[in-house]
Amino acid sequence: MNSKQFKVASATAGGAAVLAMGALTATLSNGSSVAEPPEPAPPGPVTTSEVTTGETITETVAPDAPETSAATPPITTTPSAIPPTAEVH
């Protein structure tokens, strides 16, 4: 069998597999062909709730002063003056 014949045989087998999968999917997705149709909705007015965009709005009032003060680290040493550096000539 040469390369061209092998390609034709492979394409034929692949096409047959695709058709078989499609037929199997169609058969299984229908379930029973004798299934009863679903009951229609009863006639009459339909009541719905108010239409919303799904957006949540939260209204708050800004505080007069910040809730926390600025952070200050505890100082454990006493401040001292830094001696001047010696000039190099």
PDB file of N, CA and C in Angstrom:
ATOM      1  N   MET A   1       0.861  -1.157   0.000  1.00  0.00           N
ATOM      2  CA  MET A   1       0.000   0.000   0.000  1.00  0.00           C
ATOM      3  C   MET A   1       0.916   1.230   0.000  1.00  0.00           C
ATOM      4  N   ASN A   2       0.674   2.117  -0.936  1.00  0.00           N
ATOM      5  CA  ASN A   2       1.516   3.311  -0.994  1.00  0.00           C
ATOM      6  C   ASN A   2       0.918   4.424  -0.145  1.00  0.00           C
ATOM      7  N   SER A   3       1.590   5.551  -0.085  1.00  0.00           N
ATOM      8  CA  SER A   3       1.217   6.656   0.795  1.00  0.00           C
ATOM      9  C   SER A   3      -0.144   7.240   0.431  1.00  0.00           C
ATOM     10  N   LYS A   4      -0.430   7.381  -0.870  1.00  0.00           N
ATOM     11  CA  LYS A   4      -1.702   7.972  -1.293  1.00  0.00           C
ATOM     12  C   LYS A   4      -2.868   7.069  -0.901  1.00  0.00           C
ATOM     13  N   GLN A   5      -2.723   5.778  -1.094  1.00  0.00           N
ATOM     14  CA  GLN A   5      -3.792   4.841  -0.730  1.00  0.00           C
ATOM     15  C   GLN A   5      -4.020   4.840   0.786  1.00  0.00           C
ATOM     16  N   PHE A   6      -2.930   4.943   1.546  1.00  0.00           N
ATOM     17  CA  PHE A   6      -3.051   4.980   3.009  1.00  0.00           C
ATOM     18  C   PHE A   6      -3.796   6.232   3.470  1.00  0.00           C
ATOM     19  N   LYS A   7      -3.509   7.379   2.837  1.00  0.00           N
ATOM     20  CA  LYS A   7      -4.192   8.618   3.196  1.00  0.00           C
ATOM     21  C   LYS A   7      -5.684   8.546   2.878  1.00  0.00           C
ATOM     22  N   VAL A   8      -6.036   7.959   1.740  1.00  0.00           N
ATOM     23  CA  VAL A   8      -7.444   7.832   1.363  1.00  0.00           C
ATOM     24  C   VAL A   8      -8.168   6.902   2.333  1.00  0.00           C
ATOM     25  N   ALA A   9      -7.534   5.797   2.702  1.00  0.00           N
ATOM     26  CA  ALA A   9      -8.144   4.846   3.637  1.00  0.00           C
ATOM     27  C   ALA A   9      -8.310   5.487   5.017  1.00  0.00           C
ATOM     28  N   SER A  10      -7.319   6.265   5.447  1.00  0.00           N
ATOM     29  CA  SER A  10      -7.403   6.934   6.750  1.00  0.00           C
ATOM     30  C   SER A  10      -8.515   7.978   6.753  1.00  0.00           C
ATOM     31  N   ALA A  11      -8.634   8.748   5.671  1.00  0.00           N
ATOM     32  CA  ALA A  11      -9.680   9.764   5.581  1.00  0.00           C
ATOM     33  C   ALA A  11     -11.059   9.120   5.578  1.00  0.00           C
ATOM     34  N   THR A  12     -11.199   7.984   4.890  1.00  0.00           N
ATOM     35  CA  THR A  12     -12.483   7.275   4.843  1.00  0.00           C
ATOM     36  C   THR A  12     -12.855   6.757   6.228  1.00  0.00           C
ATOM     37  N   ALA A  13     -11.898   6.187   6.930  1.00  0.00           N
ATOM     38  CA  ALA A  13     -12.163   5.666   8.277  1.00  0.00           C
ATOM     39  C   ALA A  13     -12.509   6.808   9.227  1.00  0.00           C
ATOM     40  N   GLY A  14     -11.804   7.935   9.118  1.00  0.00           N
ATOM     41  CA  GLY A  14     -12.099   9.083   9.980  1.00  0.00           C
ATOM     42  C   GLY A  14     -13.473   9.653   9.703  1.00  0.00           C
ATOM     43  N   GLY A  15     -13.851   9.778   8.444  1.00  0.00           N
ATOM     44  CA  GLY A  15     -15.174  10.279   8.090  1.00  0.00           C
ATOM     45  C   GLY A  15     -16.278   9.367   8.590  1.00  0.00           C
ATOM     46  N   ALA A  16     -16.067   8.070   8.481  1.00  0.00           N
ATOM     47  CA  ALA A  16     -17.066   7.115   8.972  1.00  0.00           C
ATOM     48  C   ALA A  16     -17.199   7.218  10.486  1.00  0.00           C
ATOM     49  N   ALA A  17     -16.091   7.443  11.187  1.00  0.00           N
ATOM     50  CA  ALA A  17     -16.136   7.587  12.648  1.00  0.00           C
ATOM     51  C   ALA A  17     -16.905   8.834  13.046  1.00  0.00           C
ATOM     52  N   VAL A  18     -16.695   9.932  12.323  1.00  0.00           N
ATOM     53  CA  VAL A  18     -17.413  11.175  12.624  1.00  0.00           C
ATOM     54  C   VAL A  18     -18.910  10.983  12.400  1.00  0.00           C
ATOM     55  N   LEU A  19     -19.283  10.351  11.302  1.00  0.00           N
ATOM     56  CA  LEU A  19     -20.704  10.094  11.037  1.00  0.00           C
ATOM     57  C   LEU A  19     -21.319   9.195  12.105  1.00  0.00           C
ATOM     58  N   ALA A  20     -20.590   8.183  12.525  1.00  0.00           N
ATOM     59  CA  ALA A  20     -21.103   7.276  13.551  1.00  0.00           C
ATOM     60  C   ALA A  20     -21.291   7.999  14.878  1.00  0.00           C
ATOM     61  N   MET A  21     -20.344   8.871  15.246  1.00  0.00           N
ATOM     62  CA  MET A  21     -20.485   9.620  16.499  1.00  0.00           C
ATOM     63  C   MET A  21     -21.671  10.575  16.426  1.00  0.00           C
ATOM     64  N   GLY A  22     -21.871  11.207  15.264  1.00  0.00           N
ATOM     65  CA  GLY A  22     -23.008  12.101  15.098  1.00  0.00           C
ATOM     66  C   GLY A  22     -24.325  11.364  15.213  1.00  0.00           C
ATOM     67  N   ALA A  23     -24.419  10.197  14.602  1.00  0.00           N
ATOM     68  CA  ALA A  23     -25.654   9.409  14.682  1.00  0.00           C
ATOM     69  C   ALA A  23     -25.901   8.946  16.113  1.00  0.00           C
ATOM     70  N   LEU A  24     -24.867   8.537  16.804  1.00  0.00           N
ATOM     71  CA  LEU A  24     -25.014   8.093  18.196  1.00  0.00           C
ATOM     72  C   LEU A  24     -25.441   9.250  19.090  1.00  0.00           C
ATOM     73  N   THR A  25     -24.864  10.422  18.875  1.00  0.00           N
ATOM     74  CA  THR A  25     -25.238  11.593  19.667  1.00  0.00           C
ATOM     75  C   THR A  25     -26.693  11.965  19.426  1.00  0.00           C
ATOM     76  N   ALA A  26     -27.128  11.959  18.176  1.00  0.00           N
ATOM     77  CA  ALA A  26     -28.515  12.294  17.853  1.00  0.00           C
ATOM     78  C   ALA A  26     -29.477  11.285  18.463  1.00  0.00           C
ATOM     79  N   THR A  27     -29.115  10.033  18.455  1.00  0.00           N
ATOM     80  CA  THR A  27     -29.981   8.992  19.008  1.00  0.00           C
ATOM     81  C   THR A  27     -30.093   9.120  20.521  1.00  0.00           C
ATOM     82  N   LEU A  28     -28.979   9.353  21.193  1.00  0.00           N
ATOM     83  CA  LEU A  28     -28.994   9.421  22.650  1.00  0.00           C
ATOM     84  C   LEU A  28     -29.568  10.734  23.165  1.00  0.00           C
ATOM     85  N   SER A  29     -29.430  11.824  22.418  1.00  0.00           N
ATOM     86  CA  SER A  29     -29.924  13.107  22.906  1.00  0.00           C
ATOM     87  C   SER A  29     -31.440  13.195  22.846  1.00  0.00           C
ATOM     88  N   ASN A  30     -32.081  12.474  21.953  1.00  0.00           N
ATOM     89  CA  ASN A  30     -33.540  12.501  21.859  1.00  0.00           C
ATOM     90  C   ASN A  30     -34.199  11.723  22.977  1.00  0.00           C
ATOM     91  N   GLY A  31     -33.505  10.767  23.541  1.00  0.00           N
ATOM     92  CA  GLY A  31     -34.102   9.944  24.593  1.00  0.00           C
ATOM     93  C   GLY A  31     -35.182   9.070  23.978  1.00  0.00           C
ATOM     94  N   SER A  32     -36.357   9.170  24.461  1.00  0.00           N
ATOM     95  CA  SER A  32     -37.473   8.395  23.932  1.00  0.00           C
ATOM     96  C   SER A  32     -38.215   9.241  22.910  1.00  0.00           C
ATOM     97  N   SER A  33     -38.525   8.653  21.761  1.00  0.00           N
ATOM     98  CA  SER A  33     -39.243   9.398  20.727  1.00  0.00           C
ATOM     99  C   SER A  33     -40.726   9.514  21.046  1.00  0.00           C
ATOM    100  N   VAL A  34     -41.202   8.806  22.073  1.00  0.00           N
ATOM    101  CA  VAL A  34     -42.610   8.826  22.439  1.00  0.00           C
ATOM    102  C   VAL A  34     -42.821   9.740  23.648  1.00  0.00           C
ATOM    103  N   ALA A  35     -41.833  10.534  24.010  1.00  0.00           N
ATOM    104  CA  ALA A  35     -41.944  11.386  25.189  1.00  0.00           C
ATOM    105  C   ALA A  35     -43.048  12.420  24.982  1.00  0.00           C
ATOM    106  N   GLU A  36     -43.777  12.713  26.066  1.00  0.00           N
ATOM    107  CA  GLU A  36     -44.851  13.694  26.001  1.00  0.00           C
ATOM    108  C   GLU A  36     -44.256  15.096  26.026  1.00  0.00           C
ATOM    109  N   PRO A  37     -44.894  16.029  25.297  1.00  0.00           N
ATOM    110  CA  PRO A  37     -44.385  17.401  25.329  1.00  0.00           C
ATOM    111  C   PRO A  37     -44.649  18.025  26.698  1.00  0.00           C
ATOM    112  N   PRO A  38     -43.857  18.996  27.110  1.00  0.00           N
ATOM    113  CA  PRO A  38     -44.067  19.622  28.421  1.00  0.00           C
ATOM    114  C   PRO A  38     -45.382  20.395  28.427  1.00  0.00           C
ATOM    115  N   GLU A  39     -45.966  20.522  29.621  1.00  0.00           N
ATOM    116  CA  GLU A  39     -47.235  21.239  29.751  1.00  0.00           C
ATOM    117  C   GLU A  39     -47.017  22.717  29.496  1.00  0.00           C
ATOM    118  N   PRO A  40     -47.936  23.343  28.750  1.00  0.00           N
ATOM    119  CA  PRO A  40     -47.783  24.785  28.513  1.00  0.00           C
ATOM    120  C   PRO A  40     -48.091  25.572  29.781  1.00  0.00           C
ATOM    121  N   ALA A  41     -47.581  26.798  29.832  1.00  0.00           N
ATOM    122  CA  ALA A  41     -47.828  27.659  30.985  1.00  0.00           C
ATOM    123  C   ALA A  41     -49.301  28.047  31.012  1.00  0.00           C
ATOM    124  N   PRO A  42     -49.881  28.200  32.193  1.00  0.00           N
ATOM    125  CA  PRO A  42     -51.292  28.568  32.270  1.00  0.00           C
ATOM    126  C   PRO A  42     -51.499  29.976  31.705  1.00  0.00           C
ATOM    127  N   PRO A  43     -52.630  30.213  31.041  1.00  0.00           N
ATOM    128  CA  PRO A  43     -52.877  31.537  30.479  1.00  0.00           C
ATOM    129  C   PRO A  43     -53.171  32.551  31.573  1.00  0.00           C
ATOM    130  N   GLY A  44     -52.955  33.796  31.267  1.00  0.00           N
ATOM    131  CA  GLY A  44     -53.257  34.845  32.225  1.00  0.00           C
ATOM    132  C   GLY A  44     -52.102  35.792  32.395  1.00  0.00           C
ATOM    133  N   PRO A  45     -52.331  36.826  33.199  1.00  0.00           N
ATOM    134  CA  PRO A  45     -51.250  37.810  33.395  1.00  0.00           C
ATOM    135  C   PRO A  45     -50.104  37.207  34.199  1.00  0.00           C
ATOM    136  N   VAL A  46     -48.936  37.675  33.872  1.00  0.00           N
ATOM    137  CA  VAL A  46     -47.733  37.211  34.563  1.00  0.00           C
ATOM    138  C   VAL A  46     -47.262  38.335  35.466  1.00  0.00           C
ATOM    139  N   THR A  47     -47.118  38.042  36.749  1.00  0.00           N
ATOM    140  CA  THR A  47     -46.627  39.056  37.683  1.00  0.00           C
ATOM    141  C   THR A  47     -45.125  38.913  37.823  1.00  0.00           C
ATOM    142  N   THR A  48     -44.446  40.036  37.713  1.00  0.00           N
ATOM    143  CA  THR A  48     -42.989  40.036  37.856  1.00  0.00           C
ATOM    144  C   THR A  48     -42.596  41.065  38.893  1.00  0.00           C
ATOM    145  N   SER A  49     -41.398  40.918  39.400  1.00  0.00           N
ATOM    146  CA  SER A  49     -40.901  41.890  40.371  1.00  0.00           C
ATOM    147  C   SER A  49     -40.304  43.077  39.622  1.00  0.00           C
ATOM    148  N   GLU A  50     -39.928  44.099  40.364  1.00  0.00           N
ATOM    149  CA  GLU A  50     -39.358  45.298  39.768  1.00  0.00           C
ATOM    150  C   GLU A  50     -38.065  44.957  39.042  1.00  0.00           C
ATOM    151  N   VAL A  51     -37.863  45.563  37.893  1.00  0.00           N
ATOM    152  CA  VAL A  51     -36.666  45.317  37.102  1.00  0.00           C
ATOM    153  C   VAL A  51     -35.494  46.041  37.747  1.00  0.00           C
ATOM    154  N   THR A  52     -34.398  45.308  37.944  1.00  0.00           N
ATOM    155  CA  THR A  52     -33.202  45.911  38.525  1.00  0.00           C
ATOM    156  C   THR A  52     -32.012  45.607  37.639  1.00  0.00           C
ATOM    157  N   THR A  53     -30.950  46.354  37.833  1.00  0.00           N
ATOM    158  CA  THR A  53     -29.725  46.116  37.067  1.00  0.00           C
ATOM    159  C   THR A  53     -28.763  45.210  37.805  1.00  0.00           C
ATOM    160  N   GLY A  54     -29.119  44.790  39.012  1.00  0.00           N
ATOM    161  CA  GLY A  54     -28.231  43.940  39.786  1.00  0.00           C
ATOM    162  C   GLY A  54     -27.166  44.717  40.522  1.00  0.00           C
ATOM    163  N   GLU A  55     -27.249  46.041  40.488  1.00  0.00           N
ATOM    164  CA  GLU A  55     -26.250  46.889  41.129  1.00  0.00           C
ATOM    165  C   GLU A  55     -26.629  47.116  42.587  1.00  0.00           C
ATOM    166  N   THR A  56     -25.658  47.036  43.481  1.00  0.00           N
ATOM    167  CA  THR A  56     -25.896  47.265  44.897  1.00  0.00           C
ATOM    168  C   THR A  56     -25.429  48.673  45.259  1.00  0.00           C
ATOM    169  N   ILE A  57     -26.288  49.431  45.908  1.00  0.00           N
ATOM    170  CA  ILE A  57     -25.936  50.795  46.308  1.00  0.00           C
ATOM    171  C   ILE A  57     -25.906  50.856  47.828  1.00  0.00           C
ATOM    172  N   THR A  58     -24.794  51.307  48.382  1.00  0.00           N
ATOM    173  CA  THR A  58     -24.648  51.466  49.818  1.00  0.00           C
ATOM    174  C   THR A  58     -24.367  52.930  50.106  1.00  0.00           C
ATOM    175  N   GLU A  59     -25.229  53.550  50.903  1.00  0.00           N
ATOM    176  CA  GLU A  59     -25.036  54.950  51.234  1.00  0.00           C
ATOM    177  C   GLU A  59     -24.492  55.063  52.655  1.00  0.00           C
ATOM    178  N   THR A  60     -23.361  55.783  52.804  1.00  0.00           N
ATOM    179  CA  THR A  60     -22.754  55.985  54.118  1.00  0.00           C
ATOM    180  C   THR A  60     -22.388  57.455  54.261  1.00  0.00           C
ATOM    181  N   VAL A  61     -22.198  57.892  55.490  1.00  0.00           N
ATOM    182  CA  VAL A  61     -21.791  59.255  55.787  1.00  0.00           C
ATOM    183  C   VAL A  61     -20.326  59.221  56.205  1.00  0.00           C
ATOM    184  N   ALA A  62     -19.530  60.139  55.667  1.00  0.00           N
ATOM    185  CA  ALA A  62     -18.112  60.186  55.997  1.00  0.00           C
ATOM    186  C   ALA A  62     -17.943  60.615  57.457  1.00  0.00           C
ATOM    187  N   PRO A  63     -16.990  59.998  58.175  1.00  0.00           N
ATOM    188  CA  PRO A  63     -16.778  60.380  59.573  1.00  0.00           C
ATOM    189  C   PRO A  63     -16.141  61.771  59.670  1.00  0.00           C
ATOM    190  N   ASP A  64     -16.355  62.436  60.803  1.00  0.00           N
ATOM    191  CA  ASP A  64     -15.785  63.769  61.020  1.00  0.00           C
ATOM    192  C   ASP A  64     -14.272  63.711  61.202  1.00  0.00           C
ATOM    193  N   ALA A  65     -13.771  62.671  61.850  1.00  0.00           N
ATOM    194  CA  ALA A  65     -12.343  62.523  62.092  1.00  0.00           C
ATOM    195  C   ALA A  65     -11.950  61.083  61.768  1.00  0.00           C
ATOM    196  N   PRO A  66     -10.679  60.871  61.459  1.00  0.00           N
ATOM    197  CA  PRO A  66     -10.256  59.487  61.190  1.00  0.00           C
ATOM    198  C   PRO A  66     -10.460  58.602  62.415  1.00  0.00           C
ATOM    199  N   GLU A  67     -10.744  57.334  62.142  1.00  0.00           N
ATOM    200  CA  GLU A  67     -11.007  56.404  63.244  1.00  0.00           C
ATOM    201  C   GLU A  67      -9.745  56.039  64.007  1.00  0.00           C
ATOM    202  N   THR A  68      -8.586  56.059  63.356  1.00  0.00           N
ATOM    203  CA  THR A  68      -7.328  55.711  64.028  1.00  0.00           C
ATOM    204  C   THR A  68      -6.341  56.859  63.867  1.00  0.00           C
ATOM    205  N   SER A  69      -5.448  56.980  64.822  1.00  0.00           N
ATOM    206  CA  SER A  69      -4.414  58.008  64.732  1.00  0.00           C
ATOM    207  C   SER A  69      -3.216  57.434  63.979  1.00  0.00           C
ATOM    208  N   ALA A  70      -2.258  58.288  63.681  1.00  0.00           N
ATOM    209  CA  ALA A  70      -1.064  57.844  62.982  1.00  0.00           C
ATOM    210  C   ALA A  70      -0.264  56.902  63.879  1.00  0.00           C
ATOM    211  N   ALA A  71       0.362  55.920  63.283  1.00  0.00           N
ATOM    212  CA  ALA A  71       1.159  54.961  64.042  1.00  0.00           C
ATOM    213  C   ALA A  71       2.490  55.593  64.428  1.00  0.00           C
ATOM    214  N   THR A  72       2.865  55.462  65.690  1.00  0.00           N
ATOM    215  CA  THR A  72       4.154  55.963  66.158  1.00  0.00           C
ATOM    216  C   THR A  72       4.872  54.832  66.867  1.00  0.00           C
ATOM    217  N   PRO A  73       6.116  54.557  66.469  1.00  0.00           N
ATOM    218  CA  PRO A  73       6.853  53.462  67.106  1.00  0.00           C
ATOM    219  C   PRO A  73       7.316  53.881  68.502  1.00  0.00           C
ATOM    220  N   PRO A  74       7.406  52.932  69.409  1.00  0.00           N
ATOM    221  CA  PRO A  74       7.907  53.267  70.748  1.00  0.00           C
ATOM    222  C   PRO A  74       9.411  53.564  70.681  1.00  0.00           C
ATOM    223  N   ILE A  75       9.849  54.648  71.313  1.00  0.00           N
ATOM    224  CA  ILE A  75      11.264  55.018  71.308  1.00  0.00           C
ATOM    225  C   ILE A  75      11.875  54.523  72.621  1.00  0.00           C
ATOM    226  N   THR A  76      12.937  53.712  72.500  1.00  0.00           N
ATOM    227  CA  THR A  76      13.545  53.126  73.706  1.00  0.00           C
ATOM    228  C   THR A  76      14.892  53.771  74.041  1.00  0.00           C
ATOM    229  N   THR A  77      15.417  54.636  73.168  1.00  0.00           N
ATOM    230  CA  THR A  77      16.701  55.304  73.451  1.00  0.00           C
ATOM    231  C   THR A  77      16.471  56.809  73.534  1.00  0.00           C
ATOM    232  N   THR A  78      17.383  57.455  74.210  1.00  0.00           N
ATOM    233  CA  THR A  78      17.270  58.912  74.307  1.00  0.00           C
ATOM    234  C   THR A  78      17.966  59.534  73.101  1.00  0.00           C
ATOM    235  N   PRO A  79      17.420  60.610  72.582  1.00  0.00           N
ATOM    236  CA  PRO A  79      18.064  61.257  71.426  1.00  0.00           C
ATOM    237  C   PRO A  79      19.409  61.847  71.819  1.00  0.00           C
ATOM    238  N   SER A  80      20.345  61.837  70.907  1.00  0.00           N
ATOM    239  CA  SER A  80      21.657  62.449  71.159  1.00  0.00           C
ATOM    240  C   SER A  80      22.096  63.162  69.892  1.00  0.00           C
ATOM    241  N   ALA A  81      22.980  64.141  70.077  1.00  0.00           N
ATOM    242  CA  ALA A  81      23.488  64.892  68.933  1.00  0.00           C
ATOM    243  C   ALA A  81      24.495  64.047  68.185  1.00  0.00           C
ATOM    244  N   ILE A  82      24.490  64.172  66.875  1.00  0.00           N
ATOM    245  CA  ILE A  82      25.451  63.422  66.056  1.00  0.00           C
ATOM    246  C   ILE A  82      26.702  64.277  65.934  1.00  0.00           C
ATOM    247  N   PRO A  83      27.860  63.705  66.339  1.00  0.00           N
ATOM    248  CA  PRO A  83      29.105  64.486  66.265  1.00  0.00           C
ATOM    249  C   PRO A  83      29.460  64.764  64.798  1.00  0.00           C
ATOM    250  N   PRO A  84      30.066  65.952  64.527  1.00  0.00           N
ATOM    251  CA  PRO A  84      30.446  66.257  63.132  1.00  0.00           C
ATOM    252  C   PRO A  84      31.562  65.328  62.682  1.00  0.00           C
ATOM    253  N   THR A  85      31.588  65.061  61.408  1.00  0.00           N
ATOM    254  CA  THR A  85      32.647  64.193  60.863  1.00  0.00           C
ATOM    255  C   THR A  85      33.903  64.989  60.621  1.00  0.00           C
ATOM    256  N   ALA A  86      35.022  64.330  60.704  1.00  0.00           N
ATOM    257  CA  ALA A  86      36.326  64.994  60.487  1.00  0.00           C
ATOM    258  C   ALA A  86      36.533  65.139  58.994  1.00  0.00           C
ATOM    259  N   GLU A  87      37.055  66.319  58.621  1.00  0.00           N
ATOM    260  CA  GLU A  87      37.315  66.557  57.216  1.00  0.00           C
ATOM    261  C   GLU A  87      38.649  65.936  56.840  1.00  0.00           C
ATOM    262  N   VAL A  88      38.677  65.348  55.663  1.00  0.00           N
ATOM    263  CA  VAL A  88      39.895  64.744  55.153  1.00  0.00           C
ATOM    264  C   VAL A  88      40.504  65.696  54.126  1.00  0.00           C
ATOM    265  N   HIS A  89      41.833  66.064  54.340  1.00  0.00           N
ATOM    266  CA  HIS A  89      42.489  66.979  53.408  1.00  0.00           C
ATOM    267  C   HIS A  89      43.339  66.259  52.461  1.00  0.00           C
TER     268      HIS A  89
END
